[in-house]
Amino acid sequence: MGFSPTDNSRAEWVPRQRQDGRRVLVTGSNRGIGYATAAGLAALGAQVVLAGHEGSEAFGEAMDRIVLETGCQRDQLSYMALDLRSLDSVRAFVQAWAQRPTAERVLHSLINNAGIAGAPGVSPDGFELCFQINYLSMFLLTRLLLPYMQPSSDGAPARIVCVSSSAHVFTLGLPTDEKYLRASGGGFFSLRYGESKLCVNSFVRQLASRLDPATVEVAAVHPGSTASGFWHSFPAWAQRCIASVAQGPDQGARTSLFCATEKRIVSGGYYADCAPAAASFWLGSTAKADLLWQKSCAWTGVSPNKLHAQ
């Protein structure tokens, strides 16, 4: 997420593009920016699948709130379990998706929202937690769902929106050393967080370069400093300080909604405040980006060449 000033010099963008007939998956969507994103899309008429690891009760409550707040129909919303700490959970999620009725397997938008600010330790797969949750599991989820992504009935391309952060600028470059990536990080909002988001931006560029933008468009977004559950691992006093200066989740979701619903975006682009933004110069290293792509494919067991997007 990261801290950054908000541009108040121009009119605030408001989502108006109807999403009737589109099916959208939003990860980490029972609270915070993900919840606001799911609610915003439901209000526009989309069928929204909320995904996360916090259980059916938490997501049931979230869906009930969305109905009350937006007036959408309850059958527009559904929940599927997904734990990005585990690559096996990602694979199980996609296997469950493949068992849905044929018409309900079609996916028009994927919002990769879930992420953490940081935590010490490594995942069950042996990767540093920020790298696994913010990037590697998102990488695998997106790759495995590509066969189900299709343009909508009006010909609008499918969309993939990946939540990044301005923190991707404050790094020492794309991490590709496996020994480093399998070592525990420093915890809350460390260098590892920015590195994971730099990987997200690199992935968006790499994926966009391999997909036909008439079929699937991809974008990375910086939501801005937002008071949400994203900071729950921080001390209480730090959370209070953040809440006193940060925007609310509805504002934090705006750029995700912009990239998910606007008729025209630049595929492979990085957006902030509902507009194209400058990304890190580290992304200019094609060799490093290609290496990260190849290694990510090897770590997750997918082909570096065959994407299988429809």
C-alpha atoms as a PDB file:
ATOM      1  CA  MET A   1       0.000   0.000   0.000  1.00  0.00           C
ATOM      2  CA  GLY A   2       2.526   2.618   1.104  1.00  0.00           C
ATOM      3  CA  PHE A   3       2.203   6.222   2.133  1.00  0.00           C
ATOM      4  CA  SER A   4       1.717   8.857  -0.530  1.00  0.00           C
ATOM      5  CA  PRO A   5       0.015  12.224  -0.923  1.00  0.00           C
ATOM      6  CA  THR A   6      -3.416  12.300  -2.529  1.00  0.00           C
ATOM      7  CA  ASP A   7      -3.974  14.529  -5.547  1.00  0.00           C
ATOM      8  CA  ASN A   8      -6.937  16.763  -4.697  1.00  0.00           C
ATOM      9  CA  SER A   9      -6.423  19.131  -7.630  1.00  0.00           C
ATOM     10  CA  ARG A  10      -8.912  17.403  -9.921  1.00  0.00           C
ATOM     11  CA  ALA A  11     -12.456  16.117  -9.640  1.00  0.00           C
ATOM     12  CA  GLU A  12     -12.817  12.790  -7.878  1.00  0.00           C
ATOM     13  CA  TRP A  13     -13.526   9.914 -10.240  1.00  0.00           C
ATOM     14  CA  VAL A  14     -16.806   8.108  -9.564  1.00  0.00           C
ATOM     15  CA  PRO A  15     -17.543   4.582 -10.873  1.00  0.00           C
ATOM     16  CA  ARG A  16     -20.499   4.672 -13.272  1.00  0.00           C
ATOM     17  CA  GLN A  17     -19.779   2.033 -15.936  1.00  0.00           C
ATOM     18  CA  ARG A  18     -22.345  -0.723 -15.431  1.00  0.00           C
ATOM     19  CA  GLN A  19     -20.974  -4.240 -14.961  1.00  0.00           C
ATOM     20  CA  ASP A  20     -24.137  -6.252 -15.549  1.00  0.00           C
ATOM     21  CA  GLY A  21     -23.325  -9.683 -16.935  1.00  0.00           C
ATOM     22  CA  ARG A  22     -19.697  -9.607 -15.790  1.00  0.00           C
ATOM     23  CA  ARG A  23     -18.330 -12.046 -13.218  1.00  0.00           C
ATOM     24  CA  VAL A  24     -15.586 -10.680 -10.985  1.00  0.00           C
ATOM     25  CA  LEU A  25     -13.303 -12.367  -8.457  1.00  0.00           C
ATOM     26  CA  VAL A  26     -11.905 -10.177  -5.659  1.00  0.00           C
ATOM     27  CA  THR A  27      -9.320 -11.626  -3.268  1.00  0.00           C
ATOM     28  CA  GLY A  28      -9.064 -10.470   0.351  1.00  0.00           C
ATOM     29  CA  SER A  29     -12.545  -8.974   0.103  1.00  0.00           C
ATOM     30  CA  ASN A  30     -14.227  -9.322   3.488  1.00  0.00           C
ATOM     31  CA  ARG A  31     -12.792  -6.034   4.785  1.00  0.00           C
ATOM     32  CA  GLY A  32     -10.821  -2.944   3.843  1.00  0.00           C
ATOM     33  CA  ILE A  33     -10.040  -2.065   0.242  1.00  0.00           C
ATOM     34  CA  GLY A  34     -11.058  -5.508  -1.010  1.00  0.00           C
ATOM     35  CA  TYR A  35     -14.479  -5.204   0.621  1.00  0.00           C
ATOM     36  CA  ALA A  36     -14.983  -1.712  -0.825  1.00  0.00           C
ATOM     37  CA  THR A  37     -13.927  -2.995  -4.253  1.00  0.00           C
ATOM     38  CA  ALA A  38     -16.362  -5.926  -4.086  1.00  0.00           C
ATOM     39  CA  ALA A  39     -19.168  -3.643  -2.899  1.00  0.00           C
ATOM     40  CA  GLY A  40     -18.479  -1.123  -5.638  1.00  0.00           C
ATOM     41  CA  LEU A  41     -18.598  -3.789  -8.344  1.00  0.00           C
ATOM     42  CA  ALA A  42     -21.769  -5.343  -6.917  1.00  0.00           C
ATOM     43  CA  ALA A  43     -23.414  -1.904  -6.901  1.00  0.00           C
ATOM     44  CA  LEU A  44     -22.615  -1.668 -10.620  1.00  0.00           C
ATOM     45  CA  GLY A  45     -24.390  -4.968 -11.284  1.00  0.00           C
ATOM     46  CA  ALA A  46     -21.502  -7.449 -11.380  1.00  0.00           C
ATOM     47  CA  GLN A  47     -21.634 -11.006 -10.110  1.00  0.00           C
ATOM     48  CA  VAL A  48     -18.923 -10.890  -7.438  1.00  0.00           C
ATOM     49  CA  VAL A  49     -17.032 -13.854  -5.996  1.00  0.00           C
ATOM     50  CA  LEU A  50     -15.351 -12.906  -2.719  1.00  0.00           C
ATOM     51  CA  ALA A  51     -12.277 -14.983  -1.849  1.00  0.00           C
ATOM     52  CA  GLY A  52     -10.090 -15.205   1.224  1.00  0.00           C
ATOM     53  CA  HIS A  53      -8.909 -17.297   4.143  1.00  0.00           C
ATOM     54  CA  GLU A  54     -10.931 -15.877   7.022  1.00  0.00           C
ATOM     55  CA  GLY A  55     -13.828 -18.309   6.717  1.00  0.00           C
ATOM     56  CA  SER A  56     -17.447 -18.491   5.591  1.00  0.00           C
ATOM     57  CA  GLU A  57     -18.797 -16.682   8.664  1.00  0.00           C
ATOM     58  CA  ALA A  58     -16.646 -13.585   8.117  1.00  0.00           C
ATOM     59  CA  PHE A  59     -17.413 -13.536   4.405  1.00  0.00           C
ATOM     60  CA  GLY A  60     -21.107 -14.201   5.010  1.00  0.00           C
ATOM     61  CA  GLU A  61     -21.230 -11.109   7.212  1.00  0.00           C
ATOM     62  CA  ALA A  62     -19.364  -9.142   4.549  1.00  0.00           C
ATOM     63  CA  MET A  63     -21.831 -10.183   1.853  1.00  0.00           C
ATOM     64  CA  ASP A  64     -24.778  -9.271   4.086  1.00  0.00           C
ATOM     65  CA  ARG A  65     -23.280  -5.797   4.577  1.00  0.00           C
ATOM     66  CA  ILE A  66     -22.761  -5.360   0.848  1.00  0.00           C
ATOM     67  CA  VAL A  67     -26.446  -6.136   0.216  1.00  0.00           C
ATOM     68  CA  LEU A  68     -27.524  -3.629   2.876  1.00  0.00           C
ATOM     69  CA  GLU A  69     -25.141  -0.917   1.684  1.00  0.00           C
ATOM     70  CA  THR A  70     -25.621  -1.241  -2.067  1.00  0.00           C
ATOM     71  CA  GLY A  71     -29.084  -2.703  -2.534  1.00  0.00           C
ATOM     72  CA  CYS A  72     -27.668  -5.444  -4.781  1.00  0.00           C
ATOM     73  CA  GLN A  73     -29.239  -8.876  -4.880  1.00  0.00           C
ATOM     74  CA  ARG A  74     -27.833 -11.485  -2.521  1.00  0.00           C
ATOM     75  CA  ASP A  75     -27.462 -13.961  -5.377  1.00  0.00           C
ATOM     76  CA  GLN A  76     -24.958 -11.588  -7.019  1.00  0.00           C
ATOM     77  CA  LEU A  77     -22.489 -12.542  -4.282  1.00  0.00           C
ATOM     78  CA  SER A  78     -20.708 -15.764  -3.404  1.00  0.00           C
ATOM     79  CA  TYR A  79     -17.682 -16.875  -1.385  1.00  0.00           C
ATOM     80  CA  MET A  80     -14.817 -19.268  -2.063  1.00  0.00           C
ATOM     81  CA  ALA A  81     -12.004 -20.182   0.330  1.00  0.00           C
ATOM     82  CA  LEU A  82      -8.486 -19.139  -0.658  1.00  0.00           C
ATOM     83  CA  ASP A  83      -5.319 -18.947   1.451  1.00  0.00           C
ATOM     84  CA  LEU A  84      -2.468 -17.227  -0.368  1.00  0.00           C
ATOM     85  CA  ARG A  85       0.016 -18.485   2.206  1.00  0.00           C
ATOM     86  CA  SER A  86      -0.122 -21.816   0.383  1.00  0.00           C
ATOM     87  CA  LEU A  87       0.377 -22.663  -3.284  1.00  0.00           C
ATOM     88  CA  ASP A  88      -1.629 -25.845  -2.695  1.00  0.00           C
ATOM     89  CA  SER A  89      -4.555 -23.712  -1.513  1.00  0.00           C
ATOM     90  CA  VAL A  90      -4.333 -21.715  -4.740  1.00  0.00           C
ATOM     91  CA  ARG A  91      -4.380 -24.921  -6.781  1.00  0.00           C
ATOM     92  CA  ALA A  92      -7.350 -26.253  -4.749  1.00  0.00           C
ATOM     93  CA  PHE A  93      -9.184 -22.976  -5.330  1.00  0.00           C
ATOM     94  CA  VAL A  94      -8.779 -23.251  -9.098  1.00  0.00           C
ATOM     95  CA  GLN A  95      -9.800 -26.912  -9.010  1.00  0.00           C
ATOM     96  CA  ALA A  96     -12.973 -25.846  -7.180  1.00  0.00           C
ATOM     97  CA  TRP A  97     -13.512 -23.105  -9.773  1.00  0.00           C
ATOM     98  CA  ALA A  98     -13.291 -25.739 -12.523  1.00  0.00           C
ATOM     99  CA  GLN A  99     -16.135 -27.664 -10.840  1.00  0.00           C
ATOM    100  CA  ARG A 100     -18.555 -24.749 -11.060  1.00  0.00           C
ATOM    101  CA  PRO A 101     -21.399 -24.964 -13.621  1.00  0.00           C
ATOM    102  CA  THR A 102     -20.033 -24.207 -17.088  1.00  0.00           C
ATOM    103  CA  ALA A 103     -21.575 -20.743 -17.357  1.00  0.00           C
ATOM    104  CA  GLU A 104     -20.274 -19.779 -13.909  1.00  0.00           C
ATOM    105  CA  ARG A 105     -16.684 -20.658 -14.750  1.00  0.00           C
ATOM    106  CA  VAL A 106     -16.366 -17.704 -17.120  1.00  0.00           C
ATOM    107  CA  LEU A 107     -14.419 -14.893 -15.450  1.00  0.00           C
ATOM    108  CA  HIS A 108     -14.464 -11.333 -16.759  1.00  0.00           C
ATOM    109  CA  SER A 109     -12.370  -9.573 -14.115  1.00  0.00           C
ATOM    110  CA  LEU A 110      -9.827 -10.693 -11.532  1.00  0.00           C
ATOM    111  CA  ILE A 111      -8.925  -8.240  -8.771  1.00  0.00           C
ATOM    112  CA  ASN A 112      -5.772  -9.422  -6.994  1.00  0.00           C
ATOM    113  CA  ASN A 113      -6.288  -7.332  -3.885  1.00  0.00           C
ATOM    114  CA  ALA A 114      -5.141  -9.523  -0.983  1.00  0.00           C
ATOM    115  CA  GLY A 115      -1.809  -8.727   0.616  1.00  0.00           C
ATOM    116  CA  ILE A 116       0.067  -8.158   3.855  1.00  0.00           C
ATOM    117  CA  ALA A 117       2.301  -5.374   5.131  1.00  0.00           C
ATOM    118  CA  GLY A 118       4.776  -7.954   6.352  1.00  0.00           C
ATOM    119  CA  ALA A 119       5.334 -10.624   8.969  1.00  0.00           C
ATOM    120  CA  PRO A 120       8.366 -12.577  10.125  1.00  0.00           C
ATOM    121  CA  GLY A 121       8.676 -16.146   8.953  1.00  0.00           C
ATOM    122  CA  VAL A 122       8.248 -18.223   5.837  1.00  0.00           C
ATOM    123  CA  SER A 123       5.251 -19.843   4.183  1.00  0.00           C
ATOM    124  CA  PRO A 124       4.506 -23.597   4.109  1.00  0.00           C
ATOM    125  CA  ASP A 125       6.117 -23.536   0.657  1.00  0.00           C
ATOM    126  CA  GLY A 126       9.298 -22.127   2.174  1.00  0.00           C
ATOM    127  CA  PHE A 127       9.156 -18.557   0.826  1.00  0.00           C
ATOM    128  CA  GLU A 128       9.313 -15.287   2.761  1.00  0.00           C
ATOM    129  CA  LEU A 129       5.719 -14.395   3.628  1.00  0.00           C
ATOM    130  CA  CYS A 130       5.465 -11.048   1.830  1.00  0.00           C
ATOM    131  CA  PHE A 131       6.898 -12.534  -1.343  1.00  0.00           C
ATOM    132  CA  GLN A 132       4.564 -15.533  -1.192  1.00  0.00           C
ATOM    133  CA  ILE A 133       1.299 -13.764  -0.318  1.00  0.00           C
ATOM    134  CA  ASN A 134       1.743 -10.501  -2.200  1.00  0.00           C
ATOM    135  CA  TYR A 135       3.364 -11.930  -5.296  1.00  0.00           C
ATOM    136  CA  LEU A 136       4.026 -15.632  -5.824  1.00  0.00           C
ATOM    137  CA  SER A 137       0.560 -16.982  -4.936  1.00  0.00           C
ATOM    138  CA  MET A 138      -1.025 -14.120  -6.879  1.00  0.00           C
ATOM    139  CA  PHE A 139       1.178 -15.063  -9.839  1.00  0.00           C
ATOM    140  CA  LEU A 140       0.003 -18.687  -9.695  1.00  0.00           C
ATOM    141  CA  LEU A 141      -3.671 -17.800  -9.154  1.00  0.00           C
ATOM    142  CA  THR A 142      -3.670 -15.504 -12.170  1.00  0.00           C
ATOM    143  CA  ARG A 143      -1.875 -17.984 -14.399  1.00  0.00           C
ATOM    144  CA  LEU A 144      -4.242 -20.830 -13.472  1.00  0.00           C
ATOM    145  CA  LEU A 145      -7.380 -18.714 -13.976  1.00  0.00           C
ATOM    146  CA  LEU A 146      -6.372 -17.434 -17.410  1.00  0.00           C
ATOM    147  CA  PRO A 147      -8.195 -20.261 -19.247  1.00  0.00           C
ATOM    148  CA  TYR A 148     -11.467 -19.029 -17.733  1.00  0.00           C
ATOM    149  CA  MET A 149     -11.033 -15.350 -18.574  1.00  0.00           C
ATOM    150  CA  GLN A 150     -13.106 -14.103 -21.488  1.00  0.00           C
ATOM    151  CA  PRO A 151     -14.303 -10.788 -22.918  1.00  0.00           C
ATOM    152  CA  SER A 152     -17.834  -9.886 -21.897  1.00  0.00           C
ATOM    153  CA  SER A 153     -20.833 -10.183 -24.223  1.00  0.00           C
ATOM    154  CA  ASP A 154     -20.356  -6.588 -25.407  1.00  0.00           C
ATOM    155  CA  GLY A 155     -16.797  -7.382 -26.497  1.00  0.00           C
ATOM    156  CA  ALA A 156     -15.085  -5.574 -23.616  1.00  0.00           C
ATOM    157  CA  PRO A 157     -11.802  -7.338 -22.718  1.00  0.00           C
ATOM    158  CA  ALA A 158     -11.412  -9.265 -19.502  1.00  0.00           C
ATOM    159  CA  ARG A 159      -9.459  -7.325 -16.869  1.00  0.00           C
ATOM    160  CA  ILE A 160      -6.803  -8.306 -14.357  1.00  0.00           C
ATOM    161  CA  VAL A 161      -6.094  -5.692 -11.692  1.00  0.00           C
ATOM    162  CA  CYS A 162      -3.192  -6.265  -9.297  1.00  0.00           C
ATOM    163  CA  VAL A 163      -2.870  -4.109  -6.194  1.00  0.00           C
ATOM    164  CA  SER A 164       0.691  -2.843  -5.910  1.00  0.00           C
ATOM    165  CA  SER A 165       2.085   0.077  -3.907  1.00  0.00           C
ATOM    166  CA  SER A 166       4.198   3.178  -4.266  1.00  0.00           C
ATOM    167  CA  ALA A 167       6.575   1.312  -1.931  1.00  0.00           C
ATOM    168  CA  HIS A 168       7.779  -0.605  -5.006  1.00  0.00           C
ATOM    169  CA  VAL A 169       9.919   2.444  -5.789  1.00  0.00           C
ATOM    170  CA  PHE A 170      11.883   2.164  -2.535  1.00  0.00           C
ATOM    171  CA  THR A 171      13.782  -1.044  -3.214  1.00  0.00           C
ATOM    172  CA  LEU A 172      17.142  -2.234  -4.462  1.00  0.00           C
ATOM    173  CA  GLY A 173      15.708  -3.938  -7.548  1.00  0.00           C
ATOM    174  CA  LEU A 174      13.837  -7.110  -8.437  1.00  0.00           C
ATOM    175  CA  PRO A 175      14.718  -9.978  -6.068  1.00  0.00           C
ATOM    176  CA  THR A 176      15.567 -13.218  -7.863  1.00  0.00           C
ATOM    177  CA  ASP A 177      17.993 -14.968  -5.510  1.00  0.00           C
ATOM    178  CA  GLU A 178      16.173 -18.017  -4.209  1.00  0.00           C
ATOM    179  CA  LYS A 179      18.180 -18.269  -0.999  1.00  0.00           C
ATOM    180  CA  TYR A 180      17.236 -14.685  -0.148  1.00  0.00           C
ATOM    181  CA  LEU A 181      13.572 -15.230  -1.028  1.00  0.00           C
ATOM    182  CA  ARG A 182      13.418 -18.308   1.189  1.00  0.00           C
ATOM    183  CA  ALA A 183      14.809 -16.473   4.225  1.00  0.00           C
ATOM    184  CA  SER A 184      12.498 -14.855   6.784  1.00  0.00           C
ATOM    185  CA  GLY A 185      12.002 -11.124   6.299  1.00  0.00           C
ATOM    186  CA  GLY A 186      12.238  -8.329   8.824  1.00  0.00           C
ATOM    187  CA  GLY A 187       8.521  -8.164   9.540  1.00  0.00           C
ATOM    188  CA  PHE A 188       6.219  -5.168   9.331  1.00  0.00           C
ATOM    189  CA  PHE A 189       6.560  -2.935   6.255  1.00  0.00           C
ATOM    190  CA  SER A 190      10.181  -3.851   5.650  1.00  0.00           C
ATOM    191  CA  LEU A 191      12.142  -3.745   2.400  1.00  0.00           C
ATOM    192  CA  ARG A 192      10.546  -7.107   1.592  1.00  0.00           C
ATOM    193  CA  TYR A 193       7.134  -5.445   1.201  1.00  0.00           C
ATOM    194  CA  GLY A 194       8.355  -3.019  -1.438  1.00  0.00           C
ATOM    195  CA  GLU A 195      10.191  -5.823  -3.227  1.00  0.00           C
ATOM    196  CA  SER A 196       7.052  -7.944  -3.356  1.00  0.00           C
ATOM    197  CA  LYS A 197       5.153  -5.051  -4.917  1.00  0.00           C
ATOM    198  CA  LEU A 198       7.952  -4.417  -7.412  1.00  0.00           C
ATOM    199  CA  CYS A 199       7.510  -8.066  -8.425  1.00  0.00           C
ATOM    200  CA  VAL A 200       3.776  -7.413  -8.862  1.00  0.00           C
ATOM    201  CA  ASN A 201       4.478  -4.527 -11.238  1.00  0.00           C
ATOM    202  CA  SER A 202       6.975  -6.622 -13.165  1.00  0.00           C
ATOM    203  CA  PHE A 203       4.439  -9.438 -13.475  1.00  0.00           C
ATOM    204  CA  VAL A 204       1.804  -7.053 -14.826  1.00  0.00           C
ATOM    205  CA  ARG A 205       4.184  -5.854 -17.530  1.00  0.00           C
ATOM    206  CA  GLN A 206       5.333  -9.353 -18.396  1.00  0.00           C
ATOM    207  CA  LEU A 207       1.798 -10.727 -18.560  1.00  0.00           C
ATOM    208  CA  ALA A 208       0.491  -7.813 -20.632  1.00  0.00           C
ATOM    209  CA  SER A 209       3.279  -8.320 -23.155  1.00  0.00           C
ATOM    210  CA  ARG A 210       2.168 -11.940 -23.621  1.00  0.00           C
ATOM    211  CA  LEU A 211      -1.602 -11.388 -23.879  1.00  0.00           C
ATOM    212  CA  ASP A 212      -3.774  -9.934 -26.627  1.00  0.00           C
ATOM    213  CA  PRO A 213      -5.211  -6.718 -25.124  1.00  0.00           C
ATOM    214  CA  ALA A 214      -8.380  -7.273 -27.139  1.00  0.00           C
ATOM    215  CA  THR A 215      -8.944 -10.355 -24.961  1.00  0.00           C
ATOM    216  CA  VAL A 216      -7.378  -9.578 -21.560  1.00  0.00           C
ATOM    217  CA  GLU A 217      -6.009  -6.301 -20.202  1.00  0.00           C
ATOM    218  CA  VAL A 218      -3.793  -6.083 -17.128  1.00  0.00           C
ATOM    219  CA  ALA A 219      -2.965  -3.201 -14.770  1.00  0.00           C
ATOM    220  CA  ALA A 220      -1.202  -2.559 -11.469  1.00  0.00           C
ATOM    221  CA  VAL A 221      -2.603  -0.005  -9.028  1.00  0.00           C
ATOM    222  CA  HIS A 222      -1.399   1.981  -6.033  1.00  0.00           C
ATOM    223  CA  PRO A 223      -4.424   2.456  -3.743  1.00  0.00           C
ATOM    224  CA  GLY A 224      -2.889   5.197  -1.615  1.00  0.00           C
ATOM    225  CA  SER A 225      -2.491   5.277   2.159  1.00  0.00           C
ATOM    226  CA  THR A 226      -5.660   3.673   3.502  1.00  0.00           C
ATOM    227  CA  ALA A 227      -6.884   2.989   7.018  1.00  0.00           C
ATOM    228  CA  SER A 228      -7.906  -0.666   6.835  1.00  0.00           C
ATOM    229  CA  GLY A 229      -7.248  -4.142   8.204  1.00  0.00           C
ATOM    230  CA  PHE A 230      -4.074  -4.160   6.110  1.00  0.00           C
ATOM    231  CA  TRP A 231      -2.316  -2.655   9.148  1.00  0.00           C
ATOM    232  CA  HIS A 232      -3.715  -5.134  11.700  1.00  0.00           C
ATOM    233  CA  SER A 233      -0.288  -6.596  12.477  1.00  0.00           C
ATOM    234  CA  PHE A 234       1.030  -3.173  13.529  1.00  0.00           C
ATOM    235  CA  PRO A 235       0.963  -2.044  17.184  1.00  0.00           C
ATOM    236  CA  ALA A 236      -2.324  -0.413  18.233  1.00  0.00           C
ATOM    237  CA  TRP A 237      -0.716   3.021  18.630  1.00  0.00           C
ATOM    238  CA  ALA A 238       0.666   2.820  15.084  1.00  0.00           C
ATOM    239  CA  GLN A 239      -2.748   1.839  13.717  1.00  0.00           C
ATOM    240  CA  ARG A 240      -4.296   4.869  15.433  1.00  0.00           C
ATOM    241  CA  CYS A 241      -1.675   7.171  13.907  1.00  0.00           C
ATOM    242  CA  ILE A 242      -2.260   5.722  10.452  1.00  0.00           C
ATOM    243  CA  ALA A 243      -6.040   6.051  10.792  1.00  0.00           C
ATOM    244  CA  SER A 244      -5.668   9.734  11.697  1.00  0.00           C
ATOM    245  CA  VAL A 245      -3.958  10.627   8.409  1.00  0.00           C
ATOM    246  CA  ALA A 246      -5.017   7.952   5.900  1.00  0.00           C
ATOM    247  CA  GLN A 247      -8.004   7.830   3.573  1.00  0.00           C
ATOM    248  CA  GLY A 248     -10.874   5.391   4.029  1.00  0.00           C
ATOM    249  CA  PRO A 249     -11.309   2.071   2.189  1.00  0.00           C
ATOM    250  CA  ASP A 250     -13.854   3.530  -0.246  1.00  0.00           C
ATOM    251  CA  GLN A 251     -11.230   5.996  -1.465  1.00  0.00           C
ATOM    252  CA  GLY A 252      -8.557   3.286  -1.410  1.00  0.00           C
ATOM    253  CA  ALA A 253     -10.667   1.130  -3.732  1.00  0.00           C
ATOM    254  CA  ARG A 254     -11.190   3.857  -6.354  1.00  0.00           C
ATOM    255  CA  THR A 255      -8.165   3.118  -8.525  1.00  0.00           C
ATOM    256  CA  SER A 256      -8.901  -0.624  -8.506  1.00  0.00           C
ATOM    257  CA  LEU A 257     -12.467   0.161  -9.574  1.00  0.00           C
ATOM    258  CA  PHE A 258     -11.197   2.581 -12.206  1.00  0.00           C
ATOM    259  CA  CYS A 259      -8.963  -0.051 -13.793  1.00  0.00           C
ATOM    260  CA  ALA A 260     -11.656  -2.729 -13.517  1.00  0.00           C
ATOM    261  CA  THR A 261     -14.471  -0.711 -15.093  1.00  0.00           C
ATOM    262  CA  GLU A 262     -13.229   2.131 -17.302  1.00  0.00           C
ATOM    263  CA  LYS A 263     -13.637   1.470 -21.015  1.00  0.00           C
ATOM    264  CA  ARG A 264     -10.023   2.292 -21.841  1.00  0.00           C
ATOM    265  CA  ILE A 265      -6.863   1.583 -19.862  1.00  0.00           C
ATOM    266  CA  VAL A 266      -3.275   0.942 -20.906  1.00  0.00           C
ATOM    267  CA  SER A 267      -2.584  -2.767 -20.539  1.00  0.00           C
ATOM    268  CA  GLY A 268       0.589  -3.300 -18.540  1.00  0.00           C
ATOM    269  CA  GLY A 269       0.261   0.143 -16.984  1.00  0.00           C
ATOM    270  CA  TYR A 270       0.654   1.329 -13.406  1.00  0.00           C
ATOM    271  CA  TYR A 271      -2.106   3.553 -12.020  1.00  0.00           C
ATOM    272  CA  ALA A 272      -2.524   5.797  -8.973  1.00  0.00           C
ATOM    273  CA  ASP A 273      -5.303   8.277  -8.172  1.00  0.00           C
ATOM    274  CA  CYS A 274      -7.301   6.857 -11.108  1.00  0.00           C
ATOM    275  CA  ALA A 275      -4.669   7.878 -13.655  1.00  0.00           C
ATOM    276  CA  PRO A 276      -1.463   6.487 -15.180  1.00  0.00           C
ATOM    277  CA  ALA A 277       1.526   6.952 -12.855  1.00  0.00           C
ATOM    278  CA  ALA A 278       5.293   6.669 -13.097  1.00  0.00           C
ATOM    279  CA  ALA A 279       6.658   3.294 -12.016  1.00  0.00           C
ATOM    280  CA  SER A 280      10.110   2.433 -10.661  1.00  0.00           C
ATOM    281  CA  PHE A 281      13.116   2.664 -12.944  1.00  0.00           C
ATOM    282  CA  TRP A 282      14.020  -0.831 -11.723  1.00  0.00           C
ATOM    283  CA  LEU A 283      11.338  -2.150 -14.059  1.00  0.00           C
ATOM    284  CA  GLY A 284      13.486  -1.070 -16.988  1.00  0.00           C
ATOM    285  CA  SER A 285      15.735  -4.103 -16.545  1.00  0.00           C
ATOM    286  CA  THR A 286      14.292  -6.538 -19.094  1.00  0.00           C
ATOM    287  CA  ALA A 287      16.831  -9.220 -18.225  1.00  0.00           C
ATOM    288  CA  LYS A 288      15.915  -9.169 -14.529  1.00  0.00           C
ATOM    289  CA  ALA A 289      12.194  -9.147 -15.323  1.00  0.00           C
ATOM    290  CA  ASP A 290      12.584 -12.124 -17.666  1.00  0.00           C
ATOM    291  CA  LEU A 291      14.585 -13.980 -15.027  1.00  0.00           C
ATOM    292  CA  LEU A 292      11.922 -13.362 -12.381  1.00  0.00           C
ATOM    293  CA  TRP A 293       9.240 -14.599 -14.793  1.00  0.00           C
ATOM    294  CA  GLN A 294      11.179 -17.783 -15.558  1.00  0.00           C
ATOM    295  CA  LYS A 295      11.925 -18.502 -11.900  1.00  0.00           C
ATOM    296  CA  SER A 296       8.340 -17.758 -10.816  1.00  0.00           C
ATOM    297  CA  CYS A 297       7.090 -20.231 -13.401  1.00  0.00           C
ATOM    298  CA  ALA A 298       9.517 -22.862 -12.096  1.00  0.00           C
ATOM    299  CA  TRP A 299       8.598 -22.223  -8.443  1.00  0.00           C
ATOM    300  CA  THR A 300       4.865 -22.517  -9.179  1.00  0.00           C
ATOM    301  CA  GLY A 301       5.041 -25.299 -11.759  1.00  0.00           C
ATOM    302  CA  VAL A 302       3.506 -23.465 -14.735  1.00  0.00           C
ATOM    303  CA  SER A 303       4.779 -23.076 -18.273  1.00  0.00           C
ATOM    304  CA  PRO A 304       6.756 -19.901 -19.017  1.00  0.00           C
ATOM    305  CA  ASN A 305       5.352 -19.852 -22.557  1.00  0.00           C
ATOM    306  CA  LYS A 306       1.833 -21.333 -22.696  1.00  0.00           C
ATOM    307  CA  LEU A 307      -0.674 -18.995 -21.051  1.00  0.00           C
ATOM    308  CA  HIS A 308      -3.939 -20.647 -22.171  1.00  0.00           C
ATOM    309  CA  ALA A 309      -5.984 -17.424 -22.120  1.00  0.00           C
ATOM    310  CA  GLN A 310      -9.142 -17.837 -24.224  1.00  0.00           C
END
